[in-house]
């Protein structure tokens, strides 16, 4: 892996620890800064921060959707029938 990839991996690890609810309190602020273009490093940072906030939102939305789909599939599977009702399903482990 290149140094660039290593750097991006570390950035991603740090970003994953950020709380979406806390980030959302900053969303309007960085959206406004981004919308007011200027030839400055400050504007560039605003675009990157706004993009990071949106990336976390998208990641969480996809994650939550997949969790709901998984739960829905598990809920629709028929229950496993016991071979001997009334007796626990045990097996010998050596």
C-alpha atoms as a PDB file:
ATOM      1  CA  UNK A   1       0.000   0.000   0.000  1.00  0.00           C
ATOM      2  CA  UNK A   2       1.320   3.468  -0.864  1.00  0.00           C
ATOM      3  CA  UNK A   3       1.838   6.306   1.580  1.00  0.00           C
ATOM      4  CA  UNK A   4      -1.176   8.055   0.071  1.00  0.00           C
ATOM      5  CA  UNK A   5      -3.365   5.010   0.709  1.00  0.00           C
ATOM      6  CA  UNK A   6      -1.983   4.711   4.246  1.00  0.00           C
ATOM      7  CA  UNK A   7      -2.828   8.356   4.892  1.00  0.00           C
ATOM      8  CA  UNK A   8      -6.359   7.940   3.542  1.00  0.00           C
ATOM      9  CA  UNK A   9      -6.858   4.813   5.685  1.00  0.00           C
ATOM     10  CA  UNK A  10      -5.838   6.758   8.812  1.00  0.00           C
ATOM     11  CA  UNK A  11      -8.127   9.644   7.904  1.00  0.00           C
ATOM     12  CA  UNK A  12     -11.017   7.211   7.363  1.00  0.00           C
ATOM     13  CA  UNK A  13     -10.365   5.540  10.723  1.00  0.00           C
ATOM     14  CA  UNK A  14     -10.535   8.927  12.463  1.00  0.00           C
ATOM     15  CA  UNK A  15     -13.665   9.986  10.593  1.00  0.00           C
ATOM     16  CA  UNK A  16     -15.489   6.758  11.516  1.00  0.00           C
ATOM     17  CA  UNK A  17     -15.291   7.764  15.185  1.00  0.00           C
ATOM     18  CA  UNK A  18     -17.229  10.983  14.543  1.00  0.00           C
ATOM     19  CA  UNK A  19     -20.839  11.030  15.719  1.00  0.00           C
ATOM     20  CA  UNK A  20     -23.411  11.778  13.017  1.00  0.00           C
ATOM     21  CA  UNK A  21     -25.656  13.728  15.394  1.00  0.00           C
ATOM     22  CA  UNK A  22     -22.789  16.012  16.388  1.00  0.00           C
ATOM     23  CA  UNK A  23     -21.764  16.451  12.761  1.00  0.00           C
ATOM     24  CA  UNK A  24     -25.298  17.383  11.767  1.00  0.00           C
ATOM     25  CA  UNK A  25     -25.147  20.378  14.085  1.00  0.00           C
ATOM     26  CA  UNK A  26     -22.365  21.678  11.813  1.00  0.00           C
ATOM     27  CA  UNK A  27     -24.015  20.798   8.481  1.00  0.00           C
ATOM     28  CA  UNK A  28     -25.752  24.172   7.897  1.00  0.00           C
ATOM     29  CA  UNK A  29     -22.655  26.120   8.888  1.00  0.00           C
ATOM     30  CA  UNK A  30     -20.405  24.331   6.378  1.00  0.00           C
ATOM     31  CA  UNK A  31     -23.081  24.267   3.697  1.00  0.00           C
ATOM     32  CA  UNK A  32     -23.314  28.073   3.923  1.00  0.00           C
ATOM     33  CA  UNK A  33     -19.529  28.478   3.834  1.00  0.00           C
ATOM     34  CA  UNK A  34     -19.300  26.182   0.830  1.00  0.00           C
ATOM     35  CA  UNK A  35     -22.042  28.052  -1.032  1.00  0.00           C
ATOM     36  CA  UNK A  36     -20.143  31.339  -0.688  1.00  0.00           C
ATOM     37  CA  UNK A  37     -17.244  30.636  -3.006  1.00  0.00           C
ATOM     38  CA  UNK A  38     -13.942  32.365  -2.472  1.00  0.00           C
ATOM     39  CA  UNK A  39     -10.414  31.725  -3.683  1.00  0.00           C
ATOM     40  CA  UNK A  40      -9.208  30.659  -0.257  1.00  0.00           C
ATOM     41  CA  UNK A  41      -7.957  27.666   1.649  1.00  0.00           C
ATOM     42  CA  UNK A  42     -10.799  28.282   4.116  1.00  0.00           C
ATOM     43  CA  UNK A  43     -13.393  27.718   1.382  1.00  0.00           C
ATOM     44  CA  UNK A  44     -11.596  24.540   0.245  1.00  0.00           C
ATOM     45  CA  UNK A  45     -11.611  23.189   3.802  1.00  0.00           C
ATOM     46  CA  UNK A  46     -15.319  23.956   4.071  1.00  0.00           C
ATOM     47  CA  UNK A  47     -16.020  21.876   0.962  1.00  0.00           C
ATOM     48  CA  UNK A  48     -14.013  18.954   2.337  1.00  0.00           C
ATOM     49  CA  UNK A  49     -15.684  19.147   5.766  1.00  0.00           C
ATOM     50  CA  UNK A  50     -19.143  19.375   4.198  1.00  0.00           C
ATOM     51  CA  UNK A  51     -18.313  16.333   2.072  1.00  0.00           C
ATOM     52  CA  UNK A  52     -17.111  14.386   5.115  1.00  0.00           C
ATOM     53  CA  UNK A  53     -20.345  15.147   6.968  1.00  0.00           C
ATOM     54  CA  UNK A  54     -22.359  13.941   3.979  1.00  0.00           C
ATOM     55  CA  UNK A  55     -20.174  10.841   3.620  1.00  0.00           C
ATOM     56  CA  UNK A  56     -20.921   9.857   7.229  1.00  0.00           C
ATOM     57  CA  UNK A  57     -24.653  10.405   6.605  1.00  0.00           C
ATOM     58  CA  UNK A  58     -24.570   8.211   3.484  1.00  0.00           C
ATOM     59  CA  UNK A  59     -22.523   5.503   5.210  1.00  0.00           C
ATOM     60  CA  UNK A  60     -24.952   5.376   8.130  1.00  0.00           C
ATOM     61  CA  UNK A  61     -27.998   5.370   5.850  1.00  0.00           C
ATOM     62  CA  UNK A  62     -26.628   2.415   3.864  1.00  0.00           C
ATOM     63  CA  UNK A  63     -25.636   0.594   7.056  1.00  0.00           C
ATOM     64  CA  UNK A  64     -29.067   1.106   8.631  1.00  0.00           C
ATOM     65  CA  UNK A  65     -30.854   0.014   5.454  1.00  0.00           C
ATOM     66  CA  UNK A  66     -28.805  -3.170   5.300  1.00  0.00           C
ATOM     67  CA  UNK A  67     -29.484  -3.897   8.975  1.00  0.00           C
ATOM     68  CA  UNK A  68     -33.232  -3.462   8.400  1.00  0.00           C
ATOM     69  CA  UNK A  69     -33.102  -5.719   5.329  1.00  0.00           C
ATOM     70  CA  UNK A  70     -31.221  -8.369   7.296  1.00  0.00           C
ATOM     71  CA  UNK A  71     -33.703  -8.206  10.163  1.00  0.00           C
ATOM     72  CA  UNK A  72     -36.648  -8.401   7.753  1.00  0.00           C
ATOM     73  CA  UNK A  73     -35.152 -11.490   6.124  1.00  0.00           C
ATOM     74  CA  UNK A  74     -34.557 -13.114   9.504  1.00  0.00           C
ATOM     75  CA  UNK A  75     -38.133 -12.328  10.543  1.00  0.00           C
ATOM     76  CA  UNK A  76     -39.538 -13.989   7.419  1.00  0.00           C
ATOM     77  CA  UNK A  77     -37.542 -17.226   7.797  1.00  0.00           C
ATOM     78  CA  UNK A  78     -39.571 -20.090   9.234  1.00  0.00           C
ATOM     79  CA  UNK A  79     -38.660 -20.985  12.824  1.00  0.00           C
ATOM     80  CA  UNK A  80     -36.391 -23.985  13.317  1.00  0.00           C
ATOM     81  CA  UNK A  81     -38.384 -26.970  14.507  1.00  0.00           C
ATOM     82  CA  UNK A  82     -37.014 -29.021  17.379  1.00  0.00           C
ATOM     83  CA  UNK A  83     -36.619 -32.720  16.753  1.00  0.00           C
ATOM     84  CA  UNK A  84     -37.770 -33.619  20.263  1.00  0.00           C
ATOM     85  CA  UNK A  85     -40.137 -31.025  21.686  1.00  0.00           C
ATOM     86  CA  UNK A  86     -39.734 -30.678  25.415  1.00  0.00           C
ATOM     87  CA  UNK A  87     -36.094 -31.804  25.423  1.00  0.00           C
ATOM     88  CA  UNK A  88     -33.139 -29.456  24.897  1.00  0.00           C
ATOM     89  CA  UNK A  89     -31.118 -29.798  21.707  1.00  0.00           C
ATOM     90  CA  UNK A  90     -27.779 -30.972  23.060  1.00  0.00           C
ATOM     91  CA  UNK A  91     -24.810 -32.566  21.364  1.00  0.00           C
ATOM     92  CA  UNK A  92     -21.741 -34.320  22.638  1.00  0.00           C
ATOM     93  CA  UNK A  93     -18.555 -32.275  22.463  1.00  0.00           C
ATOM     94  CA  UNK A  94     -15.249 -34.075  22.984  1.00  0.00           C
END
